[in-house]
């Protein structure tokens, strides 16, 4: 009889625990004003590619260092509002260009809203195939220190990288060869 009682108590606690934990958070939107233009640009880029993304349930904050060489992090938990933490240090945000910031925010939105994972593939010329690479999200920005000529200004690659962000089956561009 004790075993049956224990099983019943266990099952009741599991059922009640699941029910109380399954209440989703209400929709929340909290984005710093200096990040908002990038969220709007992401929304516009998605719409121009006929991709529906829900940006009304999102929290973006600036945090302390997320670790060595980590400029952003997406946190997605079932039933909770997606959260992006951006590292506000000199290297990751304070001294970065508009394109570098866009690359970072779009990369994190790719994780949080498009459910994209990191992609490490490279083209024959060595450039990453995707903005969703884990090492260099500034794939359509200019170099901070313009050494290397044409390889330093990657702004012409923006359209390809955004097409690929919203559609991973986008064909390789001519410049990737």
N, C-alpha and C. Protein backbone atom coordinates (compact mmCIF):
# COMPACT_ATOMS: atom_id res chain seq x y z
N UNK A 1 0.82 -1.20 0.00
CA UNK A 1 0.00 0.00 0.00
C UNK A 1 0.86 1.26 0.00
N UNK A 2 1.98 1.23 0.74
CA UNK A 2 2.86 2.40 0.78
C UNK A 2 3.38 2.74 -0.61
N UNK A 3 3.74 1.73 -1.38
CA UNK A 3 4.26 1.97 -2.71
C UNK A 3 3.21 2.63 -3.59
N UNK A 4 1.98 2.18 -3.50
CA UNK A 4 0.90 2.77 -4.29
C UNK A 4 0.69 4.21 -3.88
N UNK A 5 0.73 4.51 -2.59
CA UNK A 5 0.56 5.88 -2.09
C UNK A 5 1.68 6.76 -2.60
N UNK A 6 2.88 6.25 -2.57
CA UNK A 6 4.02 7.04 -3.05
C UNK A 6 3.88 7.34 -4.55
N UNK A 7 3.45 6.34 -5.31
CA UNK A 7 3.28 6.53 -6.75
C UNK A 7 2.20 7.57 -7.01
N UNK A 8 1.10 7.51 -6.28
CA UNK A 8 0.01 8.47 -6.45
C UNK A 8 0.49 9.88 -6.09
N UNK A 9 1.19 10.03 -4.98
CA UNK A 9 1.71 11.33 -4.58
C UNK A 9 2.68 11.86 -5.64
N UNK A 10 3.52 10.99 -6.15
CA UNK A 10 4.47 11.39 -7.18
C UNK A 10 3.74 11.86 -8.44
N UNK A 11 2.77 11.10 -8.91
CA UNK A 11 2.03 11.46 -10.11
C UNK A 11 1.27 12.77 -9.94
N UNK A 12 0.64 12.96 -8.80
CA UNK A 12 -0.08 14.20 -8.54
C UNK A 12 0.89 15.38 -8.54
N UNK A 13 2.05 15.23 -7.92
CA UNK A 13 3.01 16.34 -7.89
C UNK A 13 3.56 16.64 -9.28
N UNK A 14 3.76 15.63 -10.09
CA UNK A 14 4.23 15.85 -11.45
C UNK A 14 3.17 16.59 -12.27
N UNK A 15 1.92 16.15 -12.18
CA UNK A 15 0.85 16.79 -12.93
C UNK A 15 0.66 18.23 -12.48
N UNK A 16 0.62 18.48 -11.18
CA UNK A 16 0.45 19.83 -10.68
C UNK A 16 1.66 20.70 -11.00
N UNK A 17 2.84 20.12 -10.89
CA UNK A 17 4.06 20.87 -11.20
C UNK A 17 4.10 21.28 -12.66
N UNK A 18 3.69 20.40 -13.54
CA UNK A 18 3.68 20.72 -14.97
C UNK A 18 2.65 21.79 -15.29
N UNK A 19 1.50 21.70 -14.64
CA UNK A 19 0.46 22.68 -14.90
C UNK A 19 0.87 24.06 -14.44
N UNK A 20 1.47 24.16 -13.26
CA UNK A 20 1.82 25.48 -12.74
C UNK A 20 3.01 26.07 -13.50
N UNK A 21 3.91 25.24 -13.99
CA UNK A 21 5.08 25.73 -14.71
C UNK A 21 4.82 26.01 -16.18
N UNK A 22 3.65 25.60 -16.68
CA UNK A 22 3.39 25.74 -18.11
C UNK A 22 2.73 27.07 -18.48
N UNK A 23 2.52 27.93 -17.53
CA UNK A 23 1.93 29.22 -17.82
C UNK A 23 2.96 30.10 -18.52
N UNK A 24 2.70 30.45 -19.78
CA UNK A 24 3.68 31.29 -20.48
C UNK A 24 3.68 32.71 -19.92
N UNK A 25 4.82 33.36 -20.03
CA UNK A 25 4.92 34.76 -19.65
C UNK A 25 4.06 35.59 -20.58
N UNK A 26 3.51 36.69 -20.09
CA UNK A 26 2.81 37.59 -21.00
C UNK A 26 3.83 38.22 -21.95
N UNK A 27 3.36 38.65 -23.12
CA UNK A 27 4.26 39.30 -24.07
C UNK A 27 4.89 40.53 -23.44
N UNK A 28 6.18 40.70 -23.69
CA UNK A 28 6.92 41.84 -23.18
C UNK A 28 7.79 42.39 -24.30
N UNK A 29 7.96 43.68 -24.31
CA UNK A 29 8.87 44.29 -25.27
C UNK A 29 9.67 45.36 -24.55
N UNK A 30 10.96 45.13 -24.46
CA UNK A 30 11.84 46.09 -23.81
C UNK A 30 13.17 46.08 -24.55
N UNK A 31 13.41 47.16 -25.29
CA UNK A 31 14.62 47.27 -26.11
C UNK A 31 15.22 48.65 -25.89
N UNK A 32 16.52 48.74 -25.59
CA UNK A 32 17.14 50.06 -25.44
C UNK A 32 16.98 50.89 -26.71
N UNK A 33 16.83 52.19 -26.54
CA UNK A 33 16.59 53.07 -27.69
C UNK A 33 17.71 52.99 -28.73
N UNK A 34 18.94 52.76 -28.30
CA UNK A 34 20.03 52.68 -29.28
C UNK A 34 20.05 51.36 -30.05
N UNK A 35 19.28 50.38 -29.60
CA UNK A 35 19.18 49.09 -30.30
C UNK A 35 17.94 49.05 -31.18
N UNK A 36 16.94 49.84 -30.84
CA UNK A 36 15.65 49.82 -31.54
C UNK A 36 15.78 49.98 -33.06
N UNK A 37 16.63 50.86 -33.59
CA UNK A 37 16.73 50.97 -35.05
C UNK A 37 17.15 49.65 -35.72
N UNK A 38 17.94 48.84 -35.04
CA UNK A 38 18.38 47.56 -35.61
C UNK A 38 17.24 46.54 -35.58
N UNK A 39 16.40 46.60 -34.56
CA UNK A 39 15.23 45.72 -34.50
C UNK A 39 14.28 46.09 -35.64
N UNK A 40 14.06 47.39 -35.84
CA UNK A 40 13.19 47.84 -36.92
C UNK A 40 13.77 47.46 -38.29
N UNK A 41 15.08 47.58 -38.44
CA UNK A 41 15.72 47.20 -39.71
C UNK A 41 15.58 45.70 -39.96
N UNK A 42 15.72 44.89 -38.91
CA UNK A 42 15.54 43.44 -39.02
C UNK A 42 14.12 43.13 -39.49
N UNK A 43 13.15 43.78 -38.88
CA UNK A 43 11.75 43.60 -39.25
C UNK A 43 11.53 43.97 -40.72
N UNK A 44 12.10 45.09 -41.15
CA UNK A 44 11.97 45.55 -42.53
C UNK A 44 12.62 44.56 -43.50
N UNK A 45 13.81 44.08 -43.15
CA UNK A 45 14.51 43.11 -44.01
C UNK A 45 13.71 41.81 -44.12
N UNK A 46 13.11 41.36 -43.03
CA UNK A 46 12.29 40.15 -43.05
C UNK A 46 11.08 40.36 -43.96
N UNK A 47 10.40 41.48 -43.79
CA UNK A 47 9.22 41.77 -44.61
C UNK A 47 9.57 41.86 -46.09
N UNK A 48 10.71 42.45 -46.41
CA UNK A 48 11.10 42.57 -47.82
C UNK A 48 11.37 41.21 -48.45
N UNK A 49 11.58 40.20 -47.61
CA UNK A 49 11.83 38.84 -48.10
C UNK A 49 10.62 37.93 -47.84
N UNK A 50 9.49 38.55 -47.50
CA UNK A 50 8.25 37.82 -47.21
C UNK A 50 8.41 36.79 -46.10
N UNK A 51 9.18 37.14 -45.09
CA UNK A 51 9.37 36.29 -43.93
C UNK A 51 8.66 36.95 -42.76
N UNK A 52 7.83 36.18 -42.10
CA UNK A 52 7.09 36.69 -40.95
C UNK A 52 7.88 36.43 -39.67
N UNK A 53 8.20 37.50 -38.96
CA UNK A 53 8.87 37.36 -37.67
C UNK A 53 8.11 38.17 -36.63
N UNK A 54 8.00 37.61 -35.45
CA UNK A 54 7.32 38.28 -34.35
C UNK A 54 8.38 38.97 -33.49
N UNK A 55 8.40 40.29 -33.55
CA UNK A 55 9.38 41.04 -32.76
C UNK A 55 8.73 41.72 -31.57
N UNK A 56 7.44 41.52 -31.37
CA UNK A 56 6.73 42.21 -30.28
C UNK A 56 6.94 41.57 -28.92
N UNK A 57 7.58 40.43 -28.88
CA UNK A 57 7.83 39.72 -27.63
C UNK A 57 9.34 39.50 -27.51
N UNK A 58 10.04 40.52 -27.02
CA UNK A 58 11.50 40.50 -27.02
C UNK A 58 12.04 41.42 -25.93
N UNK A 59 13.07 40.96 -25.27
CA UNK A 59 13.76 41.79 -24.30
C UNK A 59 15.24 41.84 -24.70
N UNK A 60 15.78 43.05 -24.82
CA UNK A 60 17.19 43.24 -25.12
C UNK A 60 17.78 44.09 -24.01
N UNK A 61 18.90 43.65 -23.47
CA UNK A 61 19.57 44.42 -22.42
C UNK A 61 21.07 44.46 -22.71
N UNK A 62 21.72 45.43 -22.12
CA UNK A 62 23.17 45.46 -22.13
C UNK A 62 23.64 44.86 -20.82
N UNK A 63 24.63 44.01 -20.91
CA UNK A 63 25.14 43.37 -19.71
C UNK A 63 26.63 43.51 -19.60
N UNK A 64 27.12 43.04 -18.50
CA UNK A 64 28.56 43.02 -18.29
C UNK A 64 29.15 42.00 -19.26
N UNK A 65 30.42 41.84 -19.21
CA UNK A 65 31.10 40.92 -20.10
C UNK A 65 30.45 39.55 -20.06
N UNK A 66 30.18 39.00 -21.22
CA UNK A 66 29.56 37.69 -21.33
C UNK A 66 30.61 36.59 -21.43
N UNK A 67 31.84 36.96 -21.38
CA UNK A 67 32.93 36.01 -21.54
C UNK A 67 33.88 36.54 -22.59
N UNK A 68 35.03 35.95 -22.65
CA UNK A 68 36.04 36.41 -23.60
C UNK A 68 35.54 36.29 -25.02
N UNK A 69 35.61 37.37 -25.76
CA UNK A 69 35.21 37.42 -27.17
C UNK A 69 33.73 37.12 -27.42
N UNK A 70 32.88 37.30 -26.41
CA UNK A 70 31.44 37.10 -26.60
C UNK A 70 30.77 38.46 -26.55
N UNK A 71 30.15 38.84 -27.67
CA UNK A 71 29.53 40.16 -27.75
C UNK A 71 28.02 40.11 -27.58
N UNK A 72 27.43 38.95 -27.71
CA UNK A 72 25.99 38.85 -27.56
C UNK A 72 25.58 37.44 -27.21
N UNK A 73 24.39 37.34 -26.63
CA UNK A 73 23.86 36.04 -26.27
C UNK A 73 22.35 36.07 -26.36
N UNK A 74 21.78 35.04 -26.94
CA UNK A 74 20.33 34.88 -27.01
C UNK A 74 19.94 33.81 -26.01
N UNK A 75 18.90 34.11 -25.23
CA UNK A 75 18.40 33.14 -24.26
C UNK A 75 16.93 32.89 -24.60
N UNK A 76 16.63 31.64 -24.96
CA UNK A 76 15.27 31.25 -25.27
C UNK A 76 14.89 30.09 -24.35
N UNK A 77 13.86 30.30 -23.56
CA UNK A 77 13.34 29.26 -22.68
C UNK A 77 11.87 29.08 -22.99
N UNK A 78 11.40 27.85 -22.99
CA UNK A 78 10.00 27.56 -23.30
C UNK A 78 9.07 28.40 -22.43
N UNK A 79 8.12 29.05 -23.07
CA UNK A 79 7.12 29.83 -22.35
C UNK A 79 7.59 31.18 -21.86
N UNK A 80 8.84 31.54 -22.15
CA UNK A 80 9.37 32.81 -21.68
C UNK A 80 9.71 33.72 -22.86
N UNK A 81 9.77 35.00 -22.59
CA UNK A 81 10.12 35.98 -23.60
C UNK A 81 11.57 35.80 -24.03
N UNK A 82 11.84 35.74 -25.33
CA UNK A 82 13.25 35.65 -25.78
C UNK A 82 14.03 36.87 -25.28
N UNK A 83 15.27 36.61 -24.84
CA UNK A 83 16.11 37.68 -24.31
C UNK A 83 17.45 37.70 -25.03
N UNK A 84 17.88 38.90 -25.33
CA UNK A 84 19.21 39.09 -25.92
C UNK A 84 19.99 39.96 -24.97
N UNK A 85 21.19 39.51 -24.63
CA UNK A 85 22.10 40.30 -23.82
C UNK A 85 23.25 40.71 -24.72
N UNK A 86 23.50 42.01 -24.79
CA UNK A 86 24.61 42.53 -25.59
C UNK A 86 25.70 43.03 -24.68
N UNK A 87 26.91 42.70 -25.01
CA UNK A 87 28.07 43.17 -24.25
C UNK A 87 28.32 44.63 -24.64
N UNK A 88 28.33 45.51 -23.68
CA UNK A 88 28.44 46.94 -23.97
C UNK A 88 29.88 47.46 -23.95
N UNK A 89 30.86 46.58 -23.94
CA UNK A 89 32.24 47.05 -23.84
C UNK A 89 32.71 47.75 -25.12
N UNK A 90 33.91 48.24 -25.09
CA UNK A 90 34.49 49.00 -26.22
C UNK A 90 34.50 48.18 -27.50
N UNK A 91 34.95 46.95 -27.41
CA UNK A 91 35.13 46.11 -28.59
C UNK A 91 33.79 45.70 -29.20
N UNK A 92 32.81 45.42 -28.36
CA UNK A 92 31.54 44.87 -28.84
C UNK A 92 30.49 45.91 -29.21
N UNK A 93 30.50 47.08 -28.56
CA UNK A 93 29.42 48.03 -28.84
C UNK A 93 29.88 49.48 -28.88
N UNK A 94 30.53 49.95 -27.85
CA UNK A 94 30.80 51.39 -27.71
C UNK A 94 31.53 52.02 -28.89
N UNK A 95 32.51 51.34 -29.45
CA UNK A 95 33.30 51.92 -30.53
C UNK A 95 33.04 51.25 -31.89
N UNK A 96 31.98 50.47 -31.98
CA UNK A 96 31.71 49.75 -33.22
C UNK A 96 30.93 50.61 -34.20
N UNK A 97 31.02 50.27 -35.47
CA UNK A 97 30.31 50.99 -36.53
C UNK A 97 28.85 50.55 -36.56
N UNK A 98 28.07 51.30 -37.29
CA UNK A 98 26.66 50.98 -37.47
C UNK A 98 26.50 49.59 -38.08
N UNK A 99 27.31 49.27 -39.08
CA UNK A 99 27.21 47.95 -39.72
C UNK A 99 27.63 46.83 -38.77
N UNK A 100 28.65 47.05 -37.95
CA UNK A 100 29.05 46.04 -36.98
C UNK A 100 27.93 45.78 -35.97
N UNK A 101 27.29 46.85 -35.52
CA UNK A 101 26.18 46.70 -34.59
C UNK A 101 25.02 45.95 -35.25
N UNK A 102 24.72 46.31 -36.50
CA UNK A 102 23.64 45.62 -37.21
C UNK A 102 23.95 44.13 -37.34
N UNK A 103 25.18 43.80 -37.69
CA UNK A 103 25.58 42.40 -37.81
C UNK A 103 25.36 41.67 -36.49
N UNK A 104 25.79 42.26 -35.39
CA UNK A 104 25.65 41.63 -34.07
C UNK A 104 24.18 41.43 -33.70
N UNK A 105 23.39 42.48 -33.82
CA UNK A 105 21.97 42.38 -33.45
C UNK A 105 21.24 41.40 -34.36
N UNK A 106 21.50 41.45 -35.66
CA UNK A 106 20.85 40.51 -36.58
C UNK A 106 21.26 39.07 -36.27
N UNK A 107 22.52 38.85 -35.93
CA UNK A 107 22.99 37.52 -35.57
C UNK A 107 22.20 36.99 -34.37
N UNK A 108 22.09 37.82 -33.32
CA UNK A 108 21.37 37.38 -32.12
C UNK A 108 19.88 37.20 -32.39
N UNK A 109 19.29 38.06 -33.22
CA UNK A 109 17.89 37.88 -33.60
C UNK A 109 17.72 36.61 -34.43
N UNK A 110 18.74 36.27 -35.21
CA UNK A 110 18.71 35.01 -35.95
C UNK A 110 18.56 33.82 -35.00
N UNK A 111 19.30 33.86 -33.90
CA UNK A 111 19.15 32.80 -32.89
C UNK A 111 17.77 32.85 -32.25
N UNK A 112 17.40 34.02 -31.72
CA UNK A 112 16.19 34.14 -30.90
C UNK A 112 14.89 34.02 -31.69
N UNK A 113 14.82 34.65 -32.84
CA UNK A 113 13.54 34.72 -33.55
C UNK A 113 13.44 33.78 -34.74
N UNK A 114 14.58 33.49 -35.37
CA UNK A 114 14.56 32.60 -36.53
C UNK A 114 14.98 31.18 -36.18
N UNK A 115 15.39 30.98 -34.94
CA UNK A 115 15.82 29.65 -34.44
C UNK A 115 17.01 29.10 -35.22
N UNK A 116 17.89 30.00 -35.68
CA UNK A 116 19.09 29.59 -36.41
C UNK A 116 20.19 29.23 -35.42
N UNK A 117 20.97 28.24 -35.75
CA UNK A 117 22.13 27.85 -34.95
C UNK A 117 23.39 28.35 -35.67
N UNK A 118 24.52 28.18 -35.02
CA UNK A 118 25.78 28.59 -35.65
C UNK A 118 26.07 27.72 -36.86
N UNK A 119 26.69 28.34 -37.84
CA UNK A 119 27.05 27.66 -39.08
C UNK A 119 28.50 28.02 -39.38
N UNK A 120 29.39 27.04 -39.39
CA UNK A 120 30.82 27.29 -39.53
C UNK A 120 31.35 27.12 -40.95
N UNK A 121 30.51 26.76 -41.91
CA UNK A 121 30.95 26.54 -43.29
C UNK A 121 31.57 27.82 -43.86
N UNK A 122 32.52 27.62 -44.78
CA UNK A 122 33.18 28.74 -45.45
C UNK A 122 33.15 28.53 -46.96
N UNK A 123 33.20 29.66 -47.66
CA UNK A 123 33.32 29.62 -49.11
C UNK A 123 34.77 29.30 -49.48
N UNK A 124 35.03 28.93 -50.75
CA UNK A 124 36.40 28.68 -51.17
C UNK A 124 37.35 29.86 -50.91
N UNK A 125 36.83 31.10 -50.92
CA UNK A 125 37.70 32.25 -50.67
C UNK A 125 37.97 32.48 -49.18
N UNK A 126 37.39 31.63 -48.32
CA UNK A 126 37.62 31.74 -46.88
C UNK A 126 36.56 32.51 -46.12
N UNK A 127 35.68 33.22 -46.82
CA UNK A 127 34.61 33.98 -46.15
C UNK A 127 33.57 33.01 -45.59
N UNK A 128 32.99 33.40 -44.48
CA UNK A 128 31.93 32.57 -43.90
C UNK A 128 30.71 32.54 -44.82
N UNK A 129 30.02 31.42 -44.83
CA UNK A 129 28.82 31.22 -45.63
C UNK A 129 27.63 31.96 -45.01
N UNK A 130 27.69 32.20 -43.71
CA UNK A 130 26.53 32.74 -43.02
C UNK A 130 26.89 33.79 -41.96
N UNK A 131 25.99 34.72 -41.77
CA UNK A 131 26.07 35.66 -40.66
C UNK A 131 25.99 34.89 -39.34
N UNK A 132 25.46 33.68 -39.38
CA UNK A 132 25.29 32.87 -38.18
C UNK A 132 26.56 32.11 -37.80
N UNK A 133 27.70 32.54 -38.29
CA UNK A 133 28.95 31.90 -37.88
C UNK A 133 29.29 32.35 -36.46
N UNK A 134 30.03 31.53 -35.71
CA UNK A 134 30.29 31.85 -34.31
C UNK A 134 31.51 32.75 -34.07
N UNK A 135 32.26 33.07 -35.12
CA UNK A 135 33.53 33.75 -34.92
C UNK A 135 33.61 35.21 -35.37
N UNK A 136 32.88 35.56 -36.43
CA UNK A 136 33.01 36.90 -36.98
C UNK A 136 31.67 37.35 -37.55
N UNK A 137 30.87 38.00 -36.71
CA UNK A 137 29.55 38.41 -37.19
C UNK A 137 29.60 39.68 -38.04
N UNK A 138 30.74 40.33 -38.12
CA UNK A 138 30.85 41.57 -38.91
C UNK A 138 31.09 41.26 -40.39
N UNK A 139 30.27 40.37 -40.93
CA UNK A 139 30.48 39.88 -42.30
C UNK A 139 30.08 40.87 -43.38
N UNK A 140 29.31 41.91 -43.03
CA UNK A 140 29.00 42.94 -44.03
C UNK A 140 29.35 44.33 -43.52
N UNK A 141 30.42 44.40 -42.74
CA UNK A 141 30.89 45.67 -42.21
C UNK A 141 32.23 46.03 -42.84
N UNK A 142 32.71 47.19 -42.49
CA UNK A 142 34.05 47.58 -42.91
C UNK A 142 35.01 47.21 -41.79
N UNK A 143 36.27 47.07 -42.12
CA UNK A 143 37.28 46.75 -41.11
C UNK A 143 37.51 47.95 -40.20
N UNK A 144 37.85 47.68 -38.99
CA UNK A 144 38.18 48.76 -38.06
C UNK A 144 39.50 49.41 -38.45
N UNK A 145 40.41 48.59 -38.93
CA UNK A 145 41.72 49.08 -39.35
C UNK A 145 41.88 48.70 -40.82
N UNK A 146 41.65 49.63 -41.73
CA UNK A 146 41.60 49.29 -43.16
C UNK A 146 42.93 48.86 -43.76
N UNK A 147 43.27 47.63 -43.49
CA UNK A 147 44.47 47.04 -44.07
C UNK A 147 43.99 45.87 -44.94
N UNK A 148 44.38 45.84 -46.16
CA UNK A 148 43.99 44.72 -47.00
C UNK A 148 43.15 45.10 -48.20
N UNK A 149 43.00 46.35 -48.47
CA UNK A 149 42.32 46.78 -49.70
C UNK A 149 40.86 46.40 -49.75
N UNK A 150 40.45 45.82 -50.89
CA UNK A 150 39.05 45.50 -51.14
C UNK A 150 38.46 44.50 -50.15
N UNK A 151 39.29 43.64 -49.59
CA UNK A 151 38.79 42.64 -48.64
C UNK A 151 38.29 43.28 -47.36
N UNK A 152 38.64 44.53 -47.14
CA UNK A 152 38.29 45.19 -45.90
C UNK A 152 36.87 45.76 -45.91
N UNK A 153 36.37 46.15 -47.05
CA UNK A 153 35.02 46.71 -47.13
C UNK A 153 34.06 45.63 -47.60
N UNK A 154 33.31 45.10 -46.65
CA UNK A 154 32.42 43.98 -46.95
C UNK A 154 30.96 44.42 -47.10
N UNK A 155 30.71 45.71 -47.17
CA UNK A 155 29.33 46.19 -47.30
C UNK A 155 28.62 45.64 -48.54
N UNK A 156 29.31 45.43 -49.68
CA UNK A 156 28.61 44.86 -50.84
C UNK A 156 28.06 43.45 -50.60
N UNK A 157 28.51 42.80 -49.54
CA UNK A 157 28.06 41.43 -49.24
C UNK A 157 26.76 41.41 -48.41
N UNK A 158 26.30 42.58 -47.99
CA UNK A 158 25.15 42.68 -47.08
C UNK A 158 23.91 41.94 -47.61
N UNK A 159 23.55 42.17 -48.85
CA UNK A 159 22.34 41.56 -49.40
C UNK A 159 22.41 40.04 -49.33
N UNK A 160 23.56 39.48 -49.74
CA UNK A 160 23.69 38.02 -49.68
C UNK A 160 23.51 37.53 -48.24
N UNK A 161 24.23 38.13 -47.29
CA UNK A 161 24.17 37.63 -45.91
C UNK A 161 22.77 37.76 -45.31
N UNK A 162 22.04 38.80 -45.67
CA UNK A 162 20.68 38.92 -45.15
C UNK A 162 19.75 37.94 -45.85
N UNK A 163 19.94 37.74 -47.16
CA UNK A 163 19.15 36.72 -47.85
C UNK A 163 19.36 35.36 -47.20
N UNK A 164 20.62 35.03 -46.92
CA UNK A 164 20.94 33.74 -46.31
C UNK A 164 20.42 33.65 -44.88
N UNK A 165 20.42 34.75 -44.15
CA UNK A 165 19.91 34.74 -42.78
C UNK A 165 18.44 34.32 -42.77
N UNK A 166 17.66 34.88 -43.67
CA UNK A 166 16.23 34.58 -43.71
C UNK A 166 15.89 33.35 -44.55
N UNK A 167 16.83 32.88 -45.38
CA UNK A 167 16.64 31.68 -46.19
C UNK A 167 17.98 30.95 -46.34
N UNK A 168 18.23 29.96 -45.47
CA UNK A 168 19.53 29.26 -45.51
C UNK A 168 19.82 28.53 -46.81
N UNK A 169 18.85 28.41 -47.71
CA UNK A 169 19.09 27.74 -48.99
C UNK A 169 19.52 28.73 -50.08
N UNK A 170 19.80 29.95 -49.71
CA UNK A 170 20.26 30.96 -50.67
C UNK A 170 21.52 30.48 -51.37
N UNK A 171 21.57 30.56 -52.71
CA UNK A 171 22.76 30.11 -53.44
C UNK A 171 23.99 30.96 -53.12
N UNK A 172 25.14 30.35 -53.29
CA UNK A 172 26.41 31.05 -53.04
C UNK A 172 26.58 32.21 -54.01
N UNK A 173 27.11 33.31 -53.51
CA UNK A 173 27.35 34.46 -54.38
C UNK A 173 28.64 34.30 -55.19
N UNK A 174 28.77 35.08 -56.25
CA UNK A 174 29.96 35.02 -57.10
C UNK A 174 31.22 35.38 -56.31
N UNK A 175 31.13 36.34 -55.35
CA UNK A 175 32.32 36.75 -54.62
C UNK A 175 32.85 35.68 -53.67
N UNK A 176 32.09 34.63 -53.43
CA UNK A 176 32.52 33.57 -52.50
C UNK A 176 33.48 32.56 -53.11
N UNK A 177 33.69 32.64 -54.42
CA UNK A 177 34.54 31.66 -55.10
C UNK A 177 36.00 31.91 -54.91
